[in-house]
Amino acid sequence: MTVRPSPWQQPPERPKKLAQRRAERLARRAQYWGGLLDAARQMGPQAFASTTFDRARVEIDRLPAGQQERAYEALAAAIDRIRESHAQ
């Protein structure tokens, strides 16, 4: 006769580790944005820039409020640096 331990005496078994789930979710998100950026790149520089800014806005909106403000400031500073480096 085999004695099976009670369910509460066994640790829960997860089919996938949480880190693996998170990595797969991030990979799906990167693949999604990569496809959008490739399609926008073929349409032209304006579409590519618009899609890039949309991606930045989505990522910034996922941050907590205090970090959002700093991220928008960093994005504005990056845009200013790009403008200065490409000014003629």
N, C-alpha and C. Protein backbone atom coordinates (compact mmCIF):
# COMPACT_ATOMS: atom_id res chain seq x y z
N MET A 1 0.84 -1.18 0.00
CA MET A 1 0.00 0.00 0.00
C MET A 1 0.88 1.24 0.00
N THR A 2 0.60 2.16 -0.92
CA THR A 2 1.37 3.39 -1.04
C THR A 2 0.64 4.51 -0.34
N VAL A 3 1.39 5.23 0.45
CA VAL A 3 0.80 6.36 1.17
C VAL A 3 1.13 7.63 0.39
N ARG A 4 0.10 8.32 -0.01
CA ARG A 4 0.28 9.59 -0.73
C ARG A 4 0.14 10.74 0.26
N PRO A 5 1.05 11.69 0.22
CA PRO A 5 0.92 12.84 1.13
C PRO A 5 -0.29 13.70 0.75
N SER A 6 -0.79 14.41 1.69
CA SER A 6 -1.93 15.30 1.46
C SER A 6 -1.52 16.44 0.53
N PRO A 7 -2.48 17.02 -0.19
CA PRO A 7 -2.13 18.11 -1.10
C PRO A 7 -1.49 19.30 -0.40
N TRP A 8 -1.90 19.60 0.82
CA TRP A 8 -1.33 20.75 1.52
C TRP A 8 0.07 20.48 2.04
N GLN A 9 0.52 19.22 1.98
CA GLN A 9 1.87 18.89 2.41
C GLN A 9 2.84 18.90 1.23
N GLN A 10 2.34 19.12 0.04
CA GLN A 10 3.18 19.14 -1.15
C GLN A 10 3.29 20.57 -1.66
N PRO A 11 4.46 20.98 -2.08
CA PRO A 11 4.58 22.32 -2.66
C PRO A 11 3.83 22.36 -4.00
N PRO A 12 3.30 23.52 -4.36
CA PRO A 12 2.58 23.60 -5.63
C PRO A 12 3.54 23.40 -6.80
N GLU A 13 3.07 22.69 -7.78
CA GLU A 13 3.88 22.47 -8.97
C GLU A 13 3.35 23.37 -10.08
N ARG A 14 4.22 24.20 -10.59
CA ARG A 14 3.83 25.09 -11.67
C ARG A 14 4.35 24.52 -12.97
N PRO A 15 3.53 24.51 -14.00
CA PRO A 15 4.00 23.99 -15.28
C PRO A 15 5.17 24.81 -15.83
N LYS A 16 5.15 26.12 -15.56
CA LYS A 16 6.25 26.98 -15.99
C LYS A 16 6.64 27.88 -14.82
N LYS A 17 7.89 28.15 -14.72
CA LYS A 17 8.37 29.07 -13.70
C LYS A 17 7.87 30.47 -14.05
N LEU A 18 7.69 31.30 -13.03
CA LEU A 18 7.20 32.65 -13.27
C LEU A 18 8.19 33.47 -14.11
N ALA A 19 9.47 33.24 -13.90
CA ALA A 19 10.48 33.96 -14.68
C ALA A 19 10.38 33.58 -16.15
N GLN A 20 10.10 32.31 -16.42
CA GLN A 20 9.96 31.86 -17.81
C GLN A 20 8.72 32.49 -18.44
N ARG A 21 7.63 32.57 -17.69
CA ARG A 21 6.42 33.21 -18.22
C ARG A 21 6.69 34.68 -18.55
N ARG A 22 7.39 35.36 -17.64
CA ARG A 22 7.70 36.77 -17.86
C ARG A 22 8.60 36.94 -19.09
N ALA A 23 9.59 36.08 -19.23
CA ALA A 23 10.49 36.16 -20.38
C ALA A 23 9.73 35.91 -21.68
N GLU A 24 8.80 34.96 -21.67
CA GLU A 24 8.01 34.69 -22.87
C GLU A 24 7.10 35.86 -23.20
N ARG A 25 6.53 36.49 -22.18
CA ARG A 25 5.66 37.64 -22.40
C ARG A 25 6.46 38.80 -23.00
N LEU A 26 7.65 39.04 -22.46
CA LEU A 26 8.50 40.10 -22.98
C LEU A 26 8.94 39.80 -24.41
N ALA A 27 9.20 38.54 -24.71
CA ALA A 27 9.59 38.16 -26.07
C ALA A 27 8.43 38.37 -27.04
N ARG A 28 7.21 38.04 -26.62
CA ARG A 28 6.04 38.28 -27.48
C ARG A 28 5.84 39.76 -27.73
N ARG A 29 6.03 40.57 -26.69
CA ARG A 29 5.88 42.02 -26.83
C ARG A 29 6.95 42.58 -27.78
N ALA A 30 8.18 42.10 -27.64
CA ALA A 30 9.26 42.55 -28.53
C ALA A 30 8.98 42.13 -29.98
N GLN A 31 8.46 40.94 -30.17
CA GLN A 31 8.14 40.47 -31.52
C GLN A 31 7.01 41.32 -32.12
N TYR A 32 6.02 41.66 -31.32
CA TYR A 32 4.91 42.48 -31.78
C TYR A 32 5.41 43.85 -32.24
N TRP A 33 6.21 44.51 -31.38
CA TRP A 33 6.70 45.84 -31.74
C TRP A 33 7.69 45.76 -32.88
N GLY A 34 8.47 44.70 -32.95
CA GLY A 34 9.40 44.53 -34.06
C GLY A 34 8.67 44.45 -35.39
N GLY A 35 7.56 43.71 -35.42
CA GLY A 35 6.76 43.62 -36.64
C GLY A 35 6.17 44.96 -37.03
N LEU A 36 5.67 45.69 -36.03
CA LEU A 36 5.12 47.02 -36.33
C LEU A 36 6.19 47.96 -36.85
N LEU A 37 7.36 47.92 -36.24
CA LEU A 37 8.44 48.81 -36.67
C LEU A 37 8.94 48.45 -38.07
N ASP A 38 9.01 47.17 -38.40
CA ASP A 38 9.41 46.77 -39.75
C ASP A 38 8.41 47.26 -40.78
N ALA A 39 7.13 47.11 -40.49
CA ALA A 39 6.10 47.58 -41.42
C ALA A 39 6.15 49.09 -41.56
N ALA A 40 6.35 49.80 -40.45
CA ALA A 40 6.42 51.26 -40.50
C ALA A 40 7.67 51.72 -41.25
N ARG A 41 8.77 51.00 -41.09
CA ARG A 41 10.01 51.37 -41.79
C ARG A 41 9.81 51.30 -43.30
N GLN A 42 9.03 50.33 -43.75
CA GLN A 42 8.77 50.21 -45.19
C GLN A 42 7.86 51.33 -45.69
N MET A 43 7.03 51.86 -44.81
CA MET A 43 6.12 52.95 -45.20
C MET A 43 6.84 54.28 -45.28
N GLY A 44 7.91 54.45 -44.52
CA GLY A 44 8.66 55.69 -44.58
C GLY A 44 9.11 56.16 -43.22
N PRO A 45 9.95 57.20 -43.20
CA PRO A 45 10.52 57.67 -41.92
C PRO A 45 9.47 58.27 -40.97
N GLN A 46 8.44 58.92 -41.51
CA GLN A 46 7.42 59.50 -40.64
C GLN A 46 6.64 58.41 -39.90
N ALA A 47 6.27 57.37 -40.61
CA ALA A 47 5.54 56.26 -39.99
C ALA A 47 6.42 55.55 -38.97
N PHE A 48 7.70 55.41 -39.27
CA PHE A 48 8.62 54.75 -38.35
C PHE A 48 8.77 55.59 -37.08
N ALA A 49 8.91 56.90 -37.24
CA ALA A 49 9.05 57.77 -36.07
C ALA A 49 7.78 57.75 -35.23
N SER A 50 6.63 57.76 -35.87
CA SER A 50 5.37 57.73 -35.15
C SER A 50 5.22 56.43 -34.36
N THR A 51 5.55 55.30 -34.98
CA THR A 51 5.44 54.01 -34.30
C THR A 51 6.43 53.93 -33.15
N THR A 52 7.62 54.46 -33.35
CA THR A 52 8.62 54.46 -32.29
C THR A 52 8.14 55.27 -31.09
N PHE A 53 7.55 56.44 -31.35
CA PHE A 53 7.04 57.25 -30.25
C PHE A 53 5.87 56.56 -29.56
N ASP A 54 5.02 55.90 -30.33
CA ASP A 54 3.91 55.16 -29.73
C ASP A 54 4.43 54.08 -28.79
N ARG A 55 5.48 53.39 -29.21
CA ARG A 55 6.06 52.35 -28.36
C ARG A 55 6.61 52.96 -27.08
N ALA A 56 7.31 54.07 -27.20
CA ALA A 56 7.86 54.73 -26.02
C ALA A 56 6.73 55.15 -25.07
N ARG A 57 5.66 55.70 -25.62
CA ARG A 57 4.54 56.15 -24.79
C ARG A 57 3.89 54.97 -24.06
N VAL A 58 3.72 53.84 -24.75
CA VAL A 58 3.13 52.65 -24.12
C VAL A 58 4.01 52.16 -22.98
N GLU A 59 5.31 52.11 -23.23
CA GLU A 59 6.22 51.62 -22.18
C GLU A 59 6.26 52.59 -21.00
N ILE A 60 6.23 53.88 -21.27
CA ILE A 60 6.26 54.87 -20.18
C ILE A 60 4.96 54.83 -19.39
N ASP A 61 3.84 54.62 -20.06
CA ASP A 61 2.55 54.58 -19.37
C ASP A 61 2.45 53.39 -18.42
N ARG A 62 3.24 52.37 -18.61
CA ARG A 62 3.23 51.20 -17.71
C ARG A 62 4.01 51.45 -16.43
N LEU A 63 4.78 52.52 -16.39
CA LEU A 63 5.59 52.83 -15.21
C LEU A 63 4.75 53.49 -14.12
N PRO A 64 5.20 53.43 -12.86
CA PRO A 64 4.53 54.19 -11.80
C PRO A 64 4.64 55.69 -12.06
N ALA A 65 3.79 56.47 -11.41
CA ALA A 65 3.66 57.90 -11.70
C ALA A 65 4.99 58.66 -11.58
N GLY A 66 5.74 58.45 -10.53
CA GLY A 66 7.00 59.18 -10.36
C GLY A 66 8.01 58.84 -11.44
N GLN A 67 8.05 57.59 -11.82
CA GLN A 67 8.99 57.18 -12.86
C GLN A 67 8.54 57.66 -14.24
N GLN A 68 7.22 57.80 -14.43
CA GLN A 68 6.71 58.30 -15.71
C GLN A 68 7.24 59.69 -16.00
N GLU A 69 7.20 60.55 -14.99
CA GLU A 69 7.65 61.92 -15.18
C GLU A 69 9.14 61.96 -15.56
N ARG A 70 9.96 61.19 -14.86
CA ARG A 70 11.39 61.14 -15.18
C ARG A 70 11.62 60.54 -16.56
N ALA A 71 10.83 59.54 -16.93
CA ALA A 71 11.00 58.92 -18.25
C ALA A 71 10.63 59.88 -19.36
N TYR A 72 9.56 60.66 -19.18
CA TYR A 72 9.19 61.64 -20.20
C TYR A 72 10.26 62.73 -20.32
N GLU A 73 10.84 63.12 -19.19
CA GLU A 73 11.94 64.10 -19.23
C GLU A 73 13.14 63.53 -19.98
N ALA A 74 13.46 62.26 -19.73
CA ALA A 74 14.58 61.62 -20.43
C ALA A 74 14.29 61.49 -21.92
N LEU A 75 13.04 61.20 -22.27
CA LEU A 75 12.66 61.11 -23.68
C LEU A 75 12.78 62.46 -24.36
N ALA A 76 12.34 63.52 -23.69
CA ALA A 76 12.46 64.86 -24.25
C ALA A 76 13.92 65.24 -24.42
N ALA A 77 14.76 64.88 -23.47
CA ALA A 77 16.19 65.17 -23.57
C ALA A 77 16.82 64.40 -24.73
N ALA A 78 16.40 63.16 -24.92
CA ALA A 78 16.93 62.37 -26.05
C ALA A 78 16.52 62.98 -27.38
N ILE A 79 15.28 63.46 -27.47
CA ILE A 79 14.83 64.10 -28.71
C ILE A 79 15.62 65.38 -28.96
N ASP A 80 15.89 66.15 -27.90
CA ASP A 80 16.70 67.36 -28.06
C ASP A 80 18.10 67.03 -28.54
N ARG A 81 18.71 65.96 -28.01
CA ARG A 81 20.05 65.56 -28.45
C ARG A 81 20.05 65.14 -29.92
N ILE A 82 19.01 64.44 -30.32
CA ILE A 82 18.90 64.03 -31.73
C ILE A 82 18.77 65.27 -32.62
N ARG A 83 17.92 66.19 -32.21
CA ARG A 83 17.73 67.41 -32.99
C ARG A 83 19.04 68.19 -33.13
N GLU A 84 19.80 68.30 -32.02
CA GLU A 84 21.07 69.02 -32.06
C GLU A 84 22.10 68.31 -32.92
N SER A 85 22.14 66.99 -32.85
CA SER A 85 23.16 66.26 -33.60
C SER A 85 22.87 66.26 -35.10
N HIS A 86 21.61 66.42 -35.49
CA HIS A 86 21.27 66.39 -36.91
C HIS A 86 20.96 67.78 -37.47
N ALA A 87 21.16 68.81 -36.65
CA ALA A 87 20.94 70.18 -37.16
C ALA A 87 22.07 70.54 -38.13
N GLN A 88 21.71 71.28 -39.13
CA GLN A 88 22.74 71.65 -40.12
C GLN A 88 23.07 73.12 -40.06
